C-alpha atoms as a PDB file:
ATOM      1  CA  MET A   1      74.402 181.626  68.813  1.00  0.00           C
ATOM      2  CA  PRO A   2      72.858 179.680  71.742  1.00  0.00           C
ATOM      3  CA  LYS A   3      72.465 181.654  74.924  1.00  0.00           C
ATOM      4  CA  ALA A   4      75.205 180.798  77.427  1.00  0.00           C
ATOM      5  CA  PRO A   5      73.969 179.357  80.732  1.00  0.00           C
ATOM      6  CA  ARG A   6      73.930 181.845  83.564  1.00  0.00           C
ATOM      7  CA  ASP A   7      75.552 180.520  86.693  1.00  0.00           C
ATOM      8  CA  VAL A   8      73.490 180.439  89.848  1.00  0.00           C
ATOM      9  CA  ARG A   9      75.278 183.389  91.494  1.00  0.00           C
ATOM     10  CA  HIS A  10      74.305 185.761  88.701  1.00  0.00           C
ATOM     11  CA  ILE A  11      70.752 184.659  88.071  1.00  0.00           C
ATOM     12  CA  THR A  12      69.309 188.016  89.136  1.00  0.00           C
ATOM     13  CA  THR A  13      71.389 190.160  86.760  1.00  0.00           C
ATOM     14  CA  ASP A  14      68.604 189.590  84.195  1.00  0.00           C
ATOM     15  CA  THR A  15      64.870 189.504  84.796  1.00  0.00           C
ATOM     16  CA  PRO A  16      64.188 186.086  86.387  1.00  0.00           C
ATOM     17  CA  ARG A  17      61.528 184.035  84.566  1.00  0.00           C
ATOM     18  CA  VAL A  18      59.330 181.589  86.459  1.00  0.00           C
ATOM     19  CA  MET A  19      56.835 179.180  84.902  1.00  0.00           C
ATOM     20  CA  VAL A  20      53.841 178.280  87.089  1.00  0.00           C
ATOM     21  CA  VAL A  21      51.952 175.194  85.886  1.00  0.00           C
ATOM     22  CA  ASP A  22      48.617 174.356  87.521  1.00  0.00           C
ATOM     23  CA  GLY A  23      45.204 173.402  86.192  1.00  0.00           C
ATOM     24  CA  SER A  24      43.572 176.031  88.406  1.00  0.00           C
ATOM     25  CA  LYS A  25      43.609 179.592  87.077  1.00  0.00           C
ATOM     26  CA  LEU A  26      43.082 180.845  90.628  1.00  0.00           C
ATOM     27  CA  VAL A  27      46.117 178.944  91.938  1.00  0.00           C
ATOM     28  CA  ARG A  28      48.256 180.249  89.073  1.00  0.00           C
ATOM     29  CA  LYS A  29      47.203 183.793  89.930  1.00  0.00           C
ATOM     30  CA  LEU A  30      47.820 183.319  93.662  1.00  0.00           C
ATOM     31  CA  ILE A  31      51.333 181.991  93.092  1.00  0.00           C
ATOM     32  CA  GLY A  32      52.078 184.662  90.501  1.00  0.00           C
ATOM     33  CA  ASP A  33      50.862 187.471  92.772  1.00  0.00           C
ATOM     34  CA  VAL A  34      52.947 186.410  95.775  1.00  0.00           C
ATOM     35  CA  LEU A  35      56.033 185.940  93.583  1.00  0.00           C
ATOM     36  CA  LYS A  36      55.671 189.397  92.066  1.00  0.00           C
ATOM     37  CA  ALA A  37      55.206 190.920  95.530  1.00  0.00           C
ATOM     38  CA  ASP A  38      58.225 189.091  96.940  1.00  0.00           C
ATOM     39  CA  LEU A  39      60.497 189.386  93.884  1.00  0.00           C
ATOM     40  CA  PRO A  40      59.966 192.720  92.122  1.00  0.00           C
ATOM     41  CA  GLY A  41      60.710 192.430  88.423  1.00  0.00           C
ATOM     42  CA  VAL A  42      60.105 188.689  88.182  1.00  0.00           C
ATOM     43  CA  GLU A  43      58.336 187.524  85.015  1.00  0.00           C
ATOM     44  CA  VAL A  44      55.725 184.855  85.748  1.00  0.00           C
ATOM     45  CA  VAL A  45      54.329 182.725  82.919  1.00  0.00           C
ATOM     46  CA  GLY A  46      51.238 180.716  83.851  1.00  0.00           C
ATOM     47  CA  CYS A  47      50.381 177.457  82.074  1.00  0.00           C
ATOM     48  CA  ALA A  48      47.301 175.266  82.560  1.00  0.00           C
ATOM     49  CA  GLY A  49      48.961 171.986  81.566  1.00  0.00           C
ATOM     50  CA  LEU A  50      51.647 170.108  79.671  1.00  0.00           C
ATOM     51  CA  ALA A  51      50.770 171.426  76.210  1.00  0.00           C
ATOM     52  CA  GLU A  52      50.934 175.084  77.255  1.00  0.00           C
ATOM     53  CA  ALA A  53      54.128 174.434  79.235  1.00  0.00           C
ATOM     54  CA  GLU A  54      55.789 172.765  76.252  1.00  0.00           C
ATOM     55  CA  ALA A  55      54.993 175.774  74.064  1.00  0.00           C
ATOM     56  CA  ALA A  56      56.357 178.162  76.700  1.00  0.00           C
ATOM     57  CA  LEU A  57      59.572 176.143  77.062  1.00  0.00           C
ATOM     58  CA  ALA A  58      60.084 176.265  73.301  1.00  0.00           C
ATOM     59  CA  ALA A  59      59.715 180.055  73.345  1.00  0.00           C
ATOM     60  CA  GLY A  60      62.558 180.717  75.768  1.00  0.00           C
ATOM     61  CA  PRO A  61      64.476 179.619  78.886  1.00  0.00           C
ATOM     62  CA  PHE A  62      63.171 179.760  82.436  1.00  0.00           C
ATOM     63  CA  ASP A  63      65.031 180.140  85.708  1.00  0.00           C
ATOM     64  CA  LEU A  64      62.579 178.003  87.681  1.00  0.00           C
ATOM     65  CA  VAL A  65      59.419 175.946  87.139  1.00  0.00           C
ATOM     66  CA  THR A  66      56.690 175.111  89.647  1.00  0.00           C
ATOM     67  CA  THR A  67      54.053 172.462  88.984  1.00  0.00           C
ATOM     68  CA  SER A  68      51.201 170.706  90.704  1.00  0.00           C
ATOM     69  CA  LEU A  69      51.256 166.904  90.767  1.00  0.00           C
ATOM     70  CA  ALA A  70      48.013 166.499  88.820  1.00  0.00           C
ATOM     71  CA  LEU A  71      47.527 168.386  85.543  1.00  0.00           C
ATOM     72  CA  PRO A  72      44.584 168.322  83.122  1.00  0.00           C
ATOM     73  CA  ASP A  73      46.645 166.605  80.414  1.00  0.00           C
ATOM     74  CA  GLY A  74      49.235 164.710  82.472  1.00  0.00           C
ATOM     75  CA  ASP A  75      51.177 165.109  85.705  1.00  0.00           C
ATOM     76  CA  GLY A  76      54.031 167.036  87.244  1.00  0.00           C
ATOM     77  CA  MET A  77      56.524 164.217  86.680  1.00  0.00           C
ATOM     78  CA  GLN A  78      55.922 164.400  82.931  1.00  0.00           C
ATOM     79  CA  LEU A  79      56.421 168.145  83.052  1.00  0.00           C
ATOM     80  CA  ALA A  80      59.698 167.731  84.930  1.00  0.00           C
ATOM     81  CA  ARG A  81      60.938 165.430  82.167  1.00  0.00           C
ATOM     82  CA  GLN A  82      59.905 168.007  79.561  1.00  0.00           C
ATOM     83  CA  VAL A  83      61.876 170.686  81.382  1.00  0.00           C
ATOM     84  CA  ARG A  84      64.985 168.486  81.531  1.00  0.00           C
ATOM     85  CA  ALA A  85      64.724 167.639  77.828  1.00  0.00           C
ATOM     86  CA  SER A  86      64.324 171.273  76.810  1.00  0.00           C
ATOM     87  CA  ALA A  87      66.984 172.694  79.125  1.00  0.00           C
ATOM     88  CA  GLY A  88      69.790 170.303  78.197  1.00  0.00           C
ATOM     89  CA  GLN A  89      72.797 170.652  80.489  1.00  0.00           C
ATOM     90  CA  ARG A  90      71.522 173.934  81.948  1.00  0.00           C
ATOM     91  CA  TYR A  91      69.897 172.889  85.208  1.00  0.00           C
ATOM     92  CA  VAL A  92      66.459 174.419  85.816  1.00  0.00           C
ATOM     93  CA  PRO A  93      64.959 173.783  89.263  1.00  0.00           C
ATOM     94  CA  VAL A  94      61.557 172.057  89.115  1.00  0.00           C
ATOM     95  CA  ILE A  95      59.501 172.497  92.287  1.00  0.00           C
ATOM     96  CA  VAL A  96      56.409 170.389  92.944  1.00  0.00           C
ATOM     97  CA  VAL A  97      53.714 172.354  94.799  1.00  0.00           C
ATOM     98  CA  SER A  98      51.117 170.025  96.254  1.00  0.00           C
ATOM     99  CA  GLY A  99      49.119 169.156  99.324  1.00  0.00           C
ATOM    100  CA  ASP A 100      50.221 165.543  98.790  1.00  0.00           C
ATOM    101  CA  ALA A 101      53.926 166.233  98.211  1.00  0.00           C
ATOM    102  CA  GLN A 102      55.030 164.871 101.587  1.00  0.00           C
ATOM    103  CA  ASN A 103      53.562 161.417 100.936  1.00  0.00           C
ATOM    104  CA  HIS A 104      55.257 161.264  97.557  1.00  0.00           C
ATOM    105  CA  LEU A 105      58.577 162.236  99.104  1.00  0.00           C
ATOM    106  CA  GLU A 106      58.353 159.668 101.890  1.00  0.00           C
ATOM    107  CA  SER A 107      57.533 156.863  99.469  1.00  0.00           C
ATOM    108  CA  ARG A 108      60.219 158.074  97.017  1.00  0.00           C
ATOM    109  CA  ARG A 109      57.747 158.513  94.192  1.00  0.00           C
ATOM    110  CA  PHE A 110      59.472 161.702  93.043  1.00  0.00           C
ATOM    111  CA  THR A 111      61.848 161.170  90.141  1.00  0.00           C
ATOM    112  CA  GLU A 112      65.357 162.555  89.815  1.00  0.00           C
ATOM    113  CA  ASP A 113      63.920 165.190  87.443  1.00  0.00           C
ATOM    114  CA  VAL A 114      62.219 166.913  90.396  1.00  0.00           C
ATOM    115  CA  THR A 115      64.466 169.240  92.359  1.00  0.00           C
ATOM    116  CA  ASP A 116      62.377 169.978  95.436  1.00  0.00           C
ATOM    117  CA  TYR A 117      58.841 170.066  96.798  1.00  0.00           C
ATOM    118  CA  PHE A 118      56.635 172.456  98.728  1.00  0.00           C
ATOM    119  CA  ASP A 119      53.584 171.593 100.823  1.00  0.00           C
ATOM    120  CA  LYS A 120      50.623 173.876 100.110  1.00  0.00           C
ATOM    121  CA  ALA A 121      49.692 173.701 103.776  1.00  0.00           C
ATOM    122  CA  ASN A 122      52.528 176.134 104.473  1.00  0.00           C
ATOM    123  CA  GLY A 123      50.728 178.880 102.529  1.00  0.00           C
ATOM    124  CA  TYR A 124      51.518 180.847  99.392  1.00  0.00           C
ATOM    125  CA  PRO A 125      53.513 183.645 101.099  1.00  0.00           C
ATOM    126  CA  ALA A 126      55.825 180.954 102.446  1.00  0.00           C
ATOM    127  CA  LEU A 127      56.057 179.520  98.933  1.00  0.00           C
ATOM    128  CA  ALA A 128      57.359 182.839  97.634  1.00  0.00           C
ATOM    129  CA  ALA A 129      60.084 182.869 100.268  1.00  0.00           C
ATOM    130  CA  PHE A 130      60.887 179.238  99.462  1.00  0.00           C
ATOM    131  CA  LEU A 131      61.253 179.924  95.734  1.00  0.00           C
ATOM    132  CA  ARG A 132      63.365 183.001  96.434  1.00  0.00           C
ATOM    133  CA  GLY A 133      65.915 180.589  97.862  1.00  0.00           C
ATOM    134  CA  TYR A 134      66.336 179.182  94.352  1.00  0.00           C
ATOM    135  CA  ILE A 135      66.114 182.407  92.395  1.00  0.00           C
ATOM    136  CA  GLN A 136      68.296 184.358  94.821  1.00  0.00           C
ATOM    137  CA  PRO A 137      70.217 181.565  96.576  1.00  0.00           C
ATOM    138  CA  GLN A 138      71.436 182.082 100.115  1.00  0.00           C
ATOM    139  CA  ALA A 139      74.220 180.135 101.735  1.00  0.00           C
ATOM    140  CA  ILE A 140      73.483 177.289 104.148  1.00  0.00           C
ATOM    141  CA  PRO A 141      75.424 178.211 107.294  1.00  0.00           C
ATOM    142  CA  ASP A 142      78.406 175.993 108.186  1.00  0.00           C
ATOM    143  CA  ALA A 143      77.755 173.491 105.372  1.00  0.00           C
ATOM    144  CA  ARG A 144      80.722 171.145 104.846  1.00  0.00           C
ATOM    145  CA  VAL A 145      81.289 169.045 101.750  1.00  0.00           C
ATOM    146  CA  LEU A 146      83.812 166.209 101.619  1.00  0.00           C
ATOM    147  CA  TYR A 147      84.900 166.380  97.977  1.00  0.00           C
ATOM    148  CA  VAL A 148      86.794 163.448  96.423  1.00  0.00           C
ATOM    149  CA  GLU A 149      88.346 164.062  92.995  1.00  0.00           C
ATOM    150  CA  ASP A 150      91.746 163.036  91.601  1.00  0.00           C
ATOM    151  CA  SER A 151      91.914 165.543  88.737  1.00  0.00           C
ATOM    152  CA  VAL A 152      93.671 168.708  89.915  1.00  0.00           C
ATOM    153  CA  THR A 153      92.053 170.819  87.211  1.00  0.00           C
ATOM    154  CA  VAL A 154      88.519 169.578  87.827  1.00  0.00           C
ATOM    155  CA  ALA A 155      88.964 169.815  91.588  1.00  0.00           C
ATOM    156  CA  MET A 156      90.143 173.418  91.423  1.00  0.00           C
ATOM    157  CA  ALA A 157      87.178 174.505  89.311  1.00  0.00           C
ATOM    158  CA  THR A 158      84.609 172.597  91.374  1.00  0.00           C
ATOM    159  CA  ARG A 159      85.999 173.842  94.680  1.00  0.00           C
ATOM    160  CA  ARG A 160      85.628 177.395  93.442  1.00  0.00           C
ATOM    161  CA  MET A 161      82.007 176.755  92.506  1.00  0.00           C
ATOM    162  CA  LEU A 162      81.207 175.417  95.974  1.00  0.00           C
ATOM    163  CA  GLN A 163      83.238 177.974  97.910  1.00  0.00           C
ATOM    164  CA  ALA A 164      81.565 180.812  96.003  1.00  0.00           C
ATOM    165  CA  HIS A 165      78.409 179.803  97.889  1.00  0.00           C
ATOM    166  CA  ASP A 166      80.126 179.789 101.290  1.00  0.00           C
ATOM    167  CA  ILE A 167      80.396 176.007 101.431  1.00  0.00           C
ATOM    168  CA  THR A 168      83.406 174.665 103.307  1.00  0.00           C
ATOM    169  CA  VAL A 169      85.173 172.170 101.037  1.00  0.00           C
ATOM    170  CA  MET A 170      87.431 169.398 102.334  1.00  0.00           C
ATOM    171  CA  HIS A 171      89.122 168.094  99.195  1.00  0.00           C
ATOM    172  CA  MET A 172      90.797 164.688  99.001  1.00  0.00           C
ATOM    173  CA  SER A 173      92.219 163.211  95.830  1.00  0.00           C
ATOM    174  CA  ARG A 174      91.998 159.531  96.845  1.00  0.00           C
ATOM    175  CA  GLY A 175      89.048 157.421  97.889  1.00  0.00           C
ATOM    176  CA  ASP A 176      91.044 155.563 100.530  1.00  0.00           C
ATOM    177  CA  ASP A 177      91.976 158.858 102.219  1.00  0.00           C
ATOM    178  CA  ALA A 178      88.318 159.904 102.300  1.00  0.00           C
ATOM    179  CA  LEU A 179      87.369 156.502 103.654  1.00  0.00           C
ATOM    180  CA  ALA A 180      89.976 156.694 106.402  1.00  0.00           C
ATOM    181  CA  TYR A 181      88.702 160.140 107.395  1.00  0.00           C
ATOM    182  CA  LEU A 182      85.081 158.962 107.603  1.00  0.00           C
ATOM    183  CA  ARG A 183      86.055 155.859 109.585  1.00  0.00           C
ATOM    184  CA  GLU A 184      87.887 158.035 112.114  1.00  0.00           C
ATOM    185  CA  GLN A 185      84.704 160.067 112.608  1.00  0.00           C
ATOM    186  CA  ALA A 186      82.420 157.011 112.847  1.00  0.00           C
ATOM    187  CA  GLY A 187      80.437 156.813 116.069  1.00  0.00           C
ATOM    188  CA  MET A 188      80.821 160.521 116.841  1.00  0.00           C
ATOM    189  CA  ASP A 189      77.982 163.014 116.922  1.00  0.00           C
ATOM    190  CA  ASP A 190      79.883 165.018 114.320  1.00  0.00           C
ATOM    191  CA  ILE A 191      80.613 162.595 111.477  1.00  0.00           C
ATOM    192  CA  GLY A 192      82.933 165.097 109.787  1.00  0.00           C
ATOM    193  CA  ALA A 193      80.864 166.209 106.780  1.00  0.00           C
ATOM    194  CA  ASP A 194      77.347 167.221 105.815  1.00  0.00           C
ATOM    195  CA  LEU A 195      77.594 165.827 102.275  1.00  0.00           C
ATOM    196  CA  VAL A 196      79.993 163.753 100.192  1.00  0.00           C
ATOM    197  CA  LEU A 197      80.659 164.716  96.578  1.00  0.00           C
ATOM    198  CA  THR A 198      82.749 162.098  94.803  1.00  0.00           C
ATOM    199  CA  ASP A 199      83.852 161.159  91.327  1.00  0.00           C
ATOM    200  CA  VAL A 200      83.306 157.538  90.294  1.00  0.00           C
ATOM    201  CA  THR A 201      86.852 156.949  89.045  1.00  0.00           C
ATOM    202  CA  LEU A 202      89.588 157.745  91.563  1.00  0.00           C
ATOM    203  CA  ASP A 203      93.278 157.071  92.030  1.00  0.00           C
ATOM    204  CA  GLY A 204      94.062 154.206  94.386  1.00  0.00           C
ATOM    205  CA  GLU A 205      92.178 151.043  95.267  1.00  0.00           C
ATOM    206  CA  VAL A 206      88.976 152.722  96.470  1.00  0.00           C
ATOM    207  CA  SER A 207      86.658 153.968  93.739  1.00  0.00           C
ATOM    208  CA  GLY A 208      83.735 156.328  94.209  1.00  0.00           C
ATOM    209  CA  LEU A 209      81.402 153.330  94.110  1.00  0.00           C
ATOM    210  CA  ASP A 210      83.470 151.577  96.800  1.00  0.00           C
ATOM    211  CA  LEU A 211      83.302 154.697  98.950  1.00  0.00           C
ATOM    212  CA  LEU A 212      79.540 154.887  98.474  1.00  0.00           C
ATOM    213  CA  ARG A 213      79.094 151.239  99.482  1.00  0.00           C
ATOM    214  CA  VAL A 214      81.126 151.655 102.664  1.00  0.00           C
ATOM    215  CA  ILE A 215      79.187 154.803 103.622  1.00  0.00           C
ATOM    216  CA  ARG A 216      75.835 153.045 103.208  1.00  0.00           C
ATOM    217  CA  ASN A 217      76.729 149.537 104.421  1.00  0.00           C
ATOM    218  CA  GLU A 218      79.739 149.454 106.750  1.00  0.00           C
ATOM    219  CA  LEU A 219      79.251 152.888 108.308  1.00  0.00           C
ATOM    220  CA  GLY A 220      75.482 152.621 108.084  1.00  0.00           C
ATOM    221  CA  TYR A 221      74.808 156.239 107.120  1.00  0.00           C
ATOM    222  CA  GLY A 222      71.466 156.641 105.374  1.00  0.00           C
ATOM    223  CA  LYS A 223      70.748 159.142 102.627  1.00  0.00           C
ATOM    224  CA  ARG A 224      69.607 161.744 105.137  1.00  0.00           C
ATOM    225  CA  ARG A 225      72.437 161.243 107.636  1.00  0.00           C
ATOM    226  CA  LEU A 226      75.141 161.645 104.982  1.00  0.00           C
ATOM    227  CA  PRO A 227      73.958 162.558 101.481  1.00  0.00           C
ATOM    228  CA  VAL A 228      76.220 161.407  98.642  1.00  0.00           C
ATOM    229  CA  LEU A 229      76.335 163.046  95.220  1.00  0.00           C
ATOM    230  CA  VAL A 230      78.257 161.048  92.619  1.00  0.00           C
ATOM    231  CA  MET A 231      79.879 162.743  89.629  1.00  0.00           C
ATOM    232  CA  THR A 232      80.100 160.736  86.441  1.00  0.00           C
ATOM    233  CA  GLY A 233      80.885 161.310  82.800  1.00  0.00           C
ATOM    234  CA  ASP A 234      79.528 157.892  81.835  1.00  0.00           C
ATOM    235  CA  GLY A 235      76.250 158.244  79.963  1.00  0.00           C
ATOM    236  CA  ASN A 236      75.387 154.543  80.384  1.00  0.00           C
ATOM    237  CA  ARG A 237      71.944 154.561  82.012  1.00  0.00           C
ATOM    238  CA  ASP A 238      72.408 151.111  83.579  1.00  0.00           C
ATOM    239  CA  LYS A 239      75.570 152.254  85.335  1.00  0.00           C
ATOM    240  CA  GLN A 240      73.877 155.450  86.438  1.00  0.00           C
ATOM    241  CA  SER A 241      70.902 153.491  87.785  1.00  0.00           C
ATOM    242  CA  ASN A 242      73.281 151.184  89.638  1.00  0.00           C
ATOM    243  CA  LEU A 243      74.878 154.137  91.431  1.00  0.00           C
ATOM    244  CA  LEU A 244      71.425 155.219  92.600  1.00  0.00           C
ATOM    245  CA  ARG A 245      70.552 151.662  93.679  1.00  0.00           C
ATOM    246  CA  GLU A 246      73.798 151.473  95.648  1.00  0.00           C
ATOM    247  CA  GLY A 247      72.717 154.516  97.645  1.00  0.00           C
ATOM    248  CA  ALA A 248      73.702 157.689  95.803  1.00  0.00           C
ATOM    249  CA  ASN A 249      71.257 160.487  96.565  1.00  0.00           C
ATOM    250  CA  ASP A 250      71.714 161.891  93.089  1.00  0.00           C
ATOM    251  CA  LEU A 251      74.134 162.120  90.164  1.00  0.00           C
ATOM    252  CA  VAL A 252      76.001 165.116  88.786  1.00  0.00           C
ATOM    253  CA  LEU A 253      76.872 164.585  85.148  1.00  0.00           C
ATOM    254  CA  LYS A 254      80.161 165.763  83.699  1.00  0.00           C
ATOM    255  CA  PRO A 255      81.116 168.229  82.358  1.00  0.00           C
ATOM    256  CA  ILE A 256      79.843 169.935  85.491  1.00  0.00           C
ATOM    257  CA  GLU A 257      77.460 172.859  85.045  1.00  0.00           C
ATOM    258  CA  GLU A 258      77.614 175.113  88.096  1.00  0.00           C
ATOM    259  CA  ARG A 259      73.914 175.797  88.458  1.00  0.00           C
ATOM    260  CA  MET A 260      73.127 172.087  88.417  1.00  0.00           C
ATOM    261  CA  LEU A 261      75.848 171.266  90.959  1.00  0.00           C
ATOM    262  CA  ILE A 262      74.885 174.012  93.399  1.00  0.00           C
ATOM    263  CA  THR A 263      71.142 173.385  93.110  1.00  0.00           C
ATOM    264  CA  LYS A 264      71.535 169.671  93.803  1.00  0.00           C
ATOM    265  CA  THR A 265      73.995 170.304  96.633  1.00  0.00           C
ATOM    266  CA  PHE A 266      71.688 172.806  98.341  1.00  0.00           C
ATOM    267  CA  PHE A 267      68.698 170.472  97.898  1.00  0.00           C
ATOM    268  CA  GLN A 268      70.445 167.548  99.595  1.00  0.00           C
ATOM    269  CA  LEU A 269      71.762 169.750 102.403  1.00  0.00           C
ATOM    270  CA  ARG A 270      68.263 171.101 103.059  1.00  0.00           C
ATOM    271  CA  MET A 271      66.774 167.612 102.998  1.00  0.00           C
ATOM    272  CA  ALA A 272      69.358 166.409 105.517  1.00  0.00           C
ATOM    273  CA  LYS A 273      68.234 169.094 107.963  1.00  0.00           C
ATOM    274  CA  LEU A 274      64.574 168.021 107.924  1.00  0.00           C
ATOM    275  CA  PRO A 275      63.284 166.064 110.941  1.00  0.00           C
ATOM    276  CA  GLU A 276      63.879 162.336 110.545  1.00  0.00           C
ATOM    277  CA  HIS A 277      60.165 161.479 110.371  1.00  0.00           C
ATOM    278  CA  SER A 278      59.552 163.806 107.413  1.00  0.00           C
ATOM    279  CA  ALA A 279      61.330 161.768 104.709  1.00  0.00           C
ATOM    280  CA  ALA A 280      62.527 158.267 104.190  1.00  0.00           C
ATOM    281  CA  GLY A 281      66.224 157.450 104.227  1.00  0.00           C
END
């Protein structure tokens, strides 16, 4: 029987497993040592490149993967795709560790398969603390999510997922109600939410796509000012790409897996708090 996904709140009930992928044996050891010092009991599996990583992924699940951008037999983006393909719906954070990560972020060269990035200039002890935020997640104080979903059942389950991580959830079942709320807040220092999570299909005349377009165009909120996560059960890649082109920060595929939802929500909330010059959007 396949192993059931562990939700993000309970990740530490078992021994957390972290894969560290880097062409340098010394770097792998440095990262492994600081992780073991910061997270007693963590299992660290070091891999020199894509081939070793693929074999490790086939041998068992991981709770988190770190990778450098350049690998002896490929790059970190290829590895991220491998992780997504092997993990299926279970969302495994993929963290790029690189001295050049900032430039990639600013030019949007990271793909949607990458969860987050860390600049080596901050030092390896700081990296351990950074990764602990994924392995042992901590709430982001006062985070508010405007959640738009017309299904009572889905909304109840998703609200519980978010609230379990101390996120304040403002739920609205109609896109036009959410739009009216955001328009009322327009022009104020407090725009009423730190992130919008919306389904594509909604009751009423305003769809999730309509809401996204108004947020980006009429209200003029960029991806950093008001991140938007769009939930969709449509596997059509063209439609998914269109949502991203229209300004969605990321997509959350249905049926919703809690670890994926919370990881992506925390990532966007952290990104929104970075200084404006540090990332495009």
